[in-house]
PDB file of N, CA and C in Angstrom:
ATOM      1  N   MET A   1     -47.825  68.563-105.191  1.00  0.00           N
ATOM      2  CA  MET A   1     -48.238  67.432-104.402  1.00  0.00           C
ATOM      3  C   MET A   1     -49.144  67.783-103.276  1.00  0.00           C
ATOM      4  N   ILE A   2     -48.818  68.849-102.546  1.00  0.00           N
ATOM      5  CA  ILE A   2     -49.676  69.274-101.478  1.00  0.00           C
ATOM      6  C   ILE A   2     -50.976  69.843-101.927  1.00  0.00           C
ATOM      7  N   SER A   3     -50.964  70.398-103.134  1.00  0.00           N
ATOM      8  CA  SER A   3     -52.183  70.984-103.658  1.00  0.00           C
ATOM      9  C   SER A   3     -53.241  69.979-104.026  1.00  0.00           C
ATOM     10  N   ASN A   4     -52.847  68.742-104.073  1.00  0.00           N
ATOM     11  CA  ASN A   4     -53.794  67.652-104.425  1.00  0.00           C
ATOM     12  C   ASN A   4     -54.471  66.996-103.233  1.00  0.00           C
ATOM     13  N   ILE A   5     -54.248  67.543-102.039  1.00  0.00           N
ATOM     14  CA  ILE A   5     -54.822  66.913-100.789  1.00  0.00           C
ATOM     15  C   ILE A   5     -56.330  67.121-100.759  1.00  0.00           C
ATOM     16  N   GLY A   6     -56.785  68.313-100.907  1.00  0.00           N
ATOM     17  CA  GLY A   6     -58.208  68.569-100.834  1.00  0.00           C
ATOM     18  C   GLY A   6     -58.731  68.677 -99.432  1.00  0.00           C
ATOM     19  N   ILE A   7     -60.003  68.993 -99.283  1.00  0.00           N
ATOM     20  CA  ILE A   7     -60.675  69.180 -98.018  1.00  0.00           C
ATOM     21  C   ILE A   7     -60.701  67.899 -97.204  1.00  0.00           C
ATOM     22  N   PRO A   8     -61.156  66.750 -97.726  1.00  0.00           N
ATOM     23  CA  PRO A   8     -61.158  65.532 -96.939  1.00  0.00           C
ATOM     24  C   PRO A   8     -59.775  65.138 -96.423  1.00  0.00           C
ATOM     25  N   GLY A   9     -58.770  65.373 -97.207  1.00  0.00           N
ATOM     26  CA  GLY A   9     -57.413  65.068 -96.755  1.00  0.00           C
ATOM     27  C   GLY A   9     -56.990  65.999 -95.595  1.00  0.00           C
ATOM     28  N   LEU A  10     -57.321  67.262 -95.686  1.00  0.00           N
ATOM     29  CA  LEU A  10     -56.970  68.174 -94.616  1.00  0.00           C
ATOM     30  C   LEU A  10     -57.697  67.832 -93.309  1.00  0.00           C
ATOM     31  N   ILE A  11     -58.981  67.412 -93.462  1.00  0.00           N
ATOM     32  CA  ILE A  11     -59.746  67.034 -92.227  1.00  0.00           C
ATOM     33  C   ILE A  11     -59.096  65.785 -91.628  1.00  0.00           C
ATOM     34  N   LEU A  12     -58.663  64.829 -92.454  1.00  0.00           N
ATOM     35  CA  LEU A  12     -58.057  63.625 -91.953  1.00  0.00           C
ATOM     36  C   LEU A  12     -56.758  63.950 -91.223  1.00  0.00           C
ATOM     37  N   ILE A  13     -55.941  64.815 -91.795  1.00  0.00           N
ATOM     38  CA  ILE A  13     -54.687  65.241 -91.157  1.00  0.00           C
ATOM     39  C   ILE A  13     -54.998  65.903 -89.871  1.00  0.00           C
ATOM     40  N   LEU A  14     -56.004  66.794 -89.812  1.00  0.00           N
ATOM     41  CA  LEU A  14     -56.342  67.466 -88.548  1.00  0.00           C
ATOM     42  C   LEU A  14     -56.808  66.458 -87.509  1.00  0.00           C
ATOM     43  N   VAL A  15     -57.592  65.496 -87.849  1.00  0.00           N
ATOM     44  CA  VAL A  15     -58.055  64.487 -86.870  1.00  0.00           C
ATOM     45  C   VAL A  15     -56.882  63.691 -86.347  1.00  0.00           C
ATOM     46  N   ILE A  16     -55.982  63.261 -87.221  1.00  0.00           N
ATOM     47  CA  ILE A  16     -54.835  62.493 -86.802  1.00  0.00           C
ATOM     48  C   ILE A  16     -53.939  63.334 -85.845  1.00  0.00           C
ATOM     49  N   ALA A  17     -53.755  64.612 -86.182  1.00  0.00           N
ATOM     50  CA  ALA A  17     -52.932  65.503 -85.328  1.00  0.00           C
ATOM     51  C   ALA A  17     -53.617  65.702 -83.984  1.00  0.00           C
ATOM     52  N   LEU A  18     -54.924  65.789 -83.991  1.00  0.00           N
ATOM     53  CA  LEU A  18     -55.659  65.937 -82.732  1.00  0.00           C
ATOM     54  C   LEU A  18     -55.516  64.700 -81.857  1.00  0.00           C
ATOM     55  N   ILE A  19     -55.520  63.511 -82.490  1.00  0.00           N
ATOM     56  CA  ILE A  19     -55.373  62.265 -81.709  1.00  0.00           C
ATOM     57  C   ILE A  19     -53.950  62.128 -81.181  1.00  0.00           C
ATOM     58  N   VAL A  20     -52.950  62.459 -82.014  1.00  0.00           N
ATOM     59  CA  VAL A  20     -51.573  62.308 -81.645  1.00  0.00           C
ATOM     60  C   VAL A  20     -51.169  63.318 -80.550  1.00  0.00           C
ATOM     61  N   PHE A  21     -51.479  64.562 -80.785  1.00  0.00           N
ATOM     62  CA  PHE A  21     -50.950  65.649 -79.905  1.00  0.00           C
ATOM     63  C   PHE A  21     -51.914  66.042 -78.780  1.00  0.00           C
ATOM     64  N   GLY A  22     -53.146  65.782 -78.963  1.00  0.00           N
ATOM     65  CA  GLY A  22     -54.140  66.168 -77.974  1.00  0.00           C
ATOM     66  C   GLY A  22     -54.637  67.593 -78.169  1.00  0.00           C
ATOM     67  N   PRO A  23     -55.830  67.932 -77.593  1.00  0.00           N
ATOM     68  CA  PRO A  23     -56.364  69.234 -77.787  1.00  0.00           C
ATOM     69  C   PRO A  23     -55.639  70.386 -77.121  1.00  0.00           C
ATOM     70  N   GLN A  24     -54.836  70.083 -76.075  1.00  0.00           N
ATOM     71  CA  GLN A  24     -54.110  71.136 -75.364  1.00  0.00           C
ATOM     72  C   GLN A  24     -52.874  71.578 -76.147  1.00  0.00           C
ATOM     73  N   LYS A  25     -52.206  70.705 -76.856  1.00  0.00           N
ATOM     74  CA  LYS A  25     -50.984  70.996 -77.551  1.00  0.00           C
ATOM     75  C   LYS A  25     -51.235  71.503 -78.965  1.00  0.00           C
ATOM     76  N   LEU A  26     -52.378  71.221 -79.523  1.00  0.00           N
ATOM     77  CA  LEU A  26     -52.648  71.559 -80.943  1.00  0.00           C
ATOM     78  C   LEU A  26     -52.512  73.053 -81.227  1.00  0.00           C
ATOM     79  N   PRO A  27     -53.111  73.929 -80.412  1.00  0.00           N
ATOM     80  CA  PRO A  27     -52.921  75.384 -80.664  1.00  0.00           C
ATOM     81  C   PRO A  27     -51.509  75.867 -80.615  1.00  0.00           C
ATOM     82  N   GLN A  28     -50.698  75.284 -79.689  1.00  0.00           N
ATOM     83  CA  GLN A  28     -49.269  75.669 -79.645  1.00  0.00           C
ATOM     84  C   GLN A  28     -48.542  75.236 -80.844  1.00  0.00           C
ATOM     85  N   ILE A  29     -48.858  74.059 -81.362  1.00  0.00           N
ATOM     86  CA  ILE A  29     -48.166  73.506 -82.527  1.00  0.00           C
ATOM     87  C   ILE A  29     -48.547  74.317 -83.760  1.00  0.00           C
ATOM     88  N   GLY A  30     -49.839  74.684 -83.865  1.00  0.00           N
ATOM     89  CA  GLY A  30     -50.296  75.495 -84.993  1.00  0.00           C
ATOM     90  C   GLY A  30     -49.656  76.850 -84.978  1.00  0.00           C
ATOM     91  N   ARG A  31     -49.522  77.467 -83.778  1.00  0.00           N
ATOM     92  CA  ARG A  31     -48.902  78.786 -83.676  1.00  0.00           C
ATOM     93  C   ARG A  31     -47.454  78.702 -84.071  1.00  0.00           C
ATOM     94  N   GLY A  32     -46.781  77.671 -83.631  1.00  0.00           N
ATOM     95  CA  GLY A  32     -45.371  77.544 -83.929  1.00  0.00           C
ATOM     96  C   GLY A  32     -45.170  77.331 -85.474  1.00  0.00           C
ATOM     97  N   ALA A  33     -46.054  76.515 -86.030  1.00  0.00           N
ATOM     98  CA  ALA A  33     -45.942  76.275 -87.497  1.00  0.00           C
ATOM     99  C   ALA A  33     -46.227  77.563 -88.278  1.00  0.00           C
ATOM    100  N   GLY A  34     -47.171  78.319 -87.801  1.00  0.00           N
ATOM    101  CA  GLY A  34     -47.514  79.600 -88.493  1.00  0.00           C
ATOM    102  C   GLY A  34     -46.362  80.600 -88.376  1.00  0.00           C
ATOM    103  N   ASP A  35     -45.729  80.686 -87.215  1.00  0.00           N
ATOM    104  CA  ASP A  35     -44.573  81.559 -87.014  1.00  0.00           C
ATOM    105  C   ASP A  35     -43.406  81.115 -87.886  1.00  0.00           C
ATOM    106  N   ALA A  36     -43.169  79.834 -87.991  1.00  0.00           N
ATOM    107  CA  ALA A  36     -42.088  79.343 -88.825  1.00  0.00           C
ATOM    108  C   ALA A  36     -42.339  79.643 -90.313  1.00  0.00           C
ATOM    109  N   LEU A  37     -43.565  79.477 -90.753  1.00  0.00           N
ATOM    110  CA  LEU A  37     -43.911  79.752 -92.137  1.00  0.00           C
ATOM    111  C   LEU A  37     -43.789  81.234 -92.433  1.00  0.00           C
ATOM    112  N   ARG A  38     -44.207  82.073 -91.522  1.00  0.00           N
ATOM    113  CA  ARG A  38     -44.105  83.516 -91.690  1.00  0.00           C
ATOM    114  C   ARG A  38     -42.623  83.983 -91.791  1.00  0.00           C
ATOM    115  N   GLU A  39     -41.827  83.383 -90.889  1.00  0.00           N
ATOM    116  CA  GLU A  39     -40.359  83.714 -90.902  1.00  0.00           C
ATOM    117  C   GLU A  39     -39.718  83.246 -92.258  1.00  0.00           C
ATOM    118  N   PHE A  40     -40.113  82.077 -92.717  1.00  0.00           N
ATOM    119  CA  PHE A  40     -39.560  81.548 -93.963  1.00  0.00           C
ATOM    120  C   PHE A  40     -39.925  82.418 -95.134  1.00  0.00           C
ATOM    121  N   ARG A  41     -41.215  82.861 -95.189  1.00  0.00           N
ATOM    122  CA  ARG A  41     -41.652  83.733 -96.266  1.00  0.00           C
ATOM    123  C   ARG A  41     -40.890  85.080 -96.238  1.00  0.00           C
ATOM    124  N   GLN A  42     -40.696  85.625 -95.047  1.00  0.00           N
ATOM    125  CA  GLN A  42     -39.985  86.902 -94.947  1.00  0.00           C
ATOM    126  C   GLN A  42     -38.546  86.759 -95.358  1.00  0.00           C
ATOM    127  N   SER A  43     -37.920  85.664 -95.016  1.00  0.00           N
ATOM    128  CA  SER A  43     -36.497  85.488 -95.385  1.00  0.00           C
ATOM    129  C   SER A  43     -36.348  85.257 -96.878  1.00  0.00           C
ATOM    130  N   THR A  44     -37.284  84.485 -97.481  1.00  0.00           N
ATOM    131  CA  THR A  44     -37.165  84.273 -98.912  1.00  0.00           C
ATOM    132  C   THR A  44     -37.475  85.549 -99.680  1.00  0.00           C
ATOM    133  N   LYS A  45     -38.401  86.363 -99.177  1.00  0.00           N
ATOM    134  CA  LYS A  45     -38.725  87.583 -99.781  1.00  0.00           C
ATOM    135  C   LYS A  45     -37.525  88.521 -99.778  1.00  0.00           C
ATOM    136  N   GLY A  46     -36.782  88.572 -98.652  1.00  0.00           N
ATOM    137  CA  GLY A  46     -35.619  89.364 -98.502  1.00  0.00           C
ATOM    138  C   GLY A  46     -34.508  88.899 -99.511  1.00  0.00           C
ATOM    139  N   ILE A  47     -34.389  87.615 -99.638  1.00  0.00           N
ATOM    140  CA  ILE A  47     -33.376  87.075-100.553  1.00  0.00           C
ATOM    141  C   ILE A  47     -33.720  87.447-101.997  1.00  0.00           C
ATOM    142  N   LEU A  48     -35.006  87.343-102.372  1.00  0.00           N
ATOM    143  CA  LEU A  48     -35.414  87.680-103.698  1.00  0.00           C
ATOM    144  C   LEU A  48     -35.292  89.149-104.018  1.00  0.00           C
ATOM    145  N   GLU A  49     -35.496  90.000-103.002  1.00  0.00           N
ATOM    146  CA  GLU A  49     -35.319  91.433-103.196  1.00  0.00           C
ATOM    147  C   GLU A  49     -33.847  91.854-103.312  1.00  0.00           C
ATOM    148  N   ASP A  50     -32.964  91.085-102.664  1.00  0.00           N
ATOM    149  CA  ASP A  50     -31.572  91.442-102.707  1.00  0.00           C
ATOM    150  C   ASP A  50     -30.882  90.953-103.962  1.00  0.00           C
ATOM    151  N   SER A  51     -31.388  89.929-104.613  1.00  0.00           N
ATOM    152  CA  SER A  51     -30.682  89.363-105.788  1.00  0.00           C
ATOM    153  C   SER A  51     -30.821  90.354-106.982  1.00  0.00           C
ATOM    154  N   PRO A  52     -29.730  90.515-107.661  1.00  0.00           N
ATOM    155  CA  PRO A  52     -29.771  91.394-108.817  1.00  0.00           C
ATOM    156  C   PRO A  52     -30.598  90.799-109.962  1.00  0.00           C
ATOM    157  N   GLU A  53     -31.222  91.662-110.720  1.00  0.00           N
ATOM    158  CA  GLU A  53     -32.013  91.180-111.830  1.00  0.00           C
ATOM    159  C   GLU A  53     -31.076  90.818-112.958  1.00  0.00           C
ATOM    160  N   PRO A  54     -31.405  89.759-113.678  1.00  0.00           N
ATOM    161  CA  PRO A  54     -30.517  89.342-114.790  1.00  0.00           C
ATOM    162  C   PRO A  54     -30.541  90.445-115.902  1.00  0.00           C
ATOM    163  N   GLN A  55     -29.389  90.687-116.433  1.00  0.00           N
ATOM    164  CA  GLN A  55     -29.265  91.692-117.417  1.00  0.00           C
ATOM    165  C   GLN A  55     -29.189  91.042-118.772  1.00  0.00           C
ATOM    166  N   ASN A  56     -30.109  91.265-119.644  1.00  0.00           N
ATOM    167  CA  ASN A  56     -30.115  90.710-120.948  1.00  0.00           C
ATOM    168  C   ASN A  56     -29.998  91.857-122.000  1.00  0.00           C
ATOM    169  N   PRO A  57     -28.811  92.122-122.459  1.00  0.00           N
ATOM    170  CA  PRO A  57     -28.663  93.181-123.449  1.00  0.00           C
ATOM    171  C   PRO A  57     -29.375  92.780-124.737  1.00  0.00           C
ATOM    172  N   ASP A  58     -30.063  93.768-125.345  1.00  0.00           N
ATOM    173  CA  ASP A  58     -30.746  93.476-126.603  1.00  0.00           C
ATOM    174  C   ASP A  58     -29.690  93.315-127.719  1.00  0.00           C
ATOM    175  N   LYS A  59     -29.690  92.153-128.298  1.00  0.00           N
ATOM    176  CA  LYS A  59     -28.751  91.875-129.357  1.00  0.00           C
ATOM    177  C   LYS A  59     -29.533  91.816-130.661  1.00  0.00           C
ATOM    178  N   LYS A  60     -29.122  92.617-131.606  1.00  0.00           N
ATOM    179  CA  LYS A  60     -29.797  92.566-132.917  1.00  0.00           C
ATOM    180  C   LYS A  60     -28.923  91.727-133.815  1.00  0.00           C
ATOM    181  N   THR A  61     -29.576  90.735-134.381  1.00  0.00           N
ATOM    182  CA  THR A  61     -28.857  89.848-135.254  1.00  0.00           C
ATOM    183  C   THR A  61     -29.453  89.900-136.648  1.00  0.00           C
TER     184      THR A  61
END
């Protein structure tokens, strides 16, 4: 769903965010969102690395 936004949609979202939050708060909000996304990716990567791989024994029938 998010992949269907495109460049015009992203520009519209940025303009709306600029109007709502103002130019002083926008860098802080972007930094916070980036930090949250980075932390989420690191935690999911850790979960995926910790999970055991499924074992599928080869069965000959």
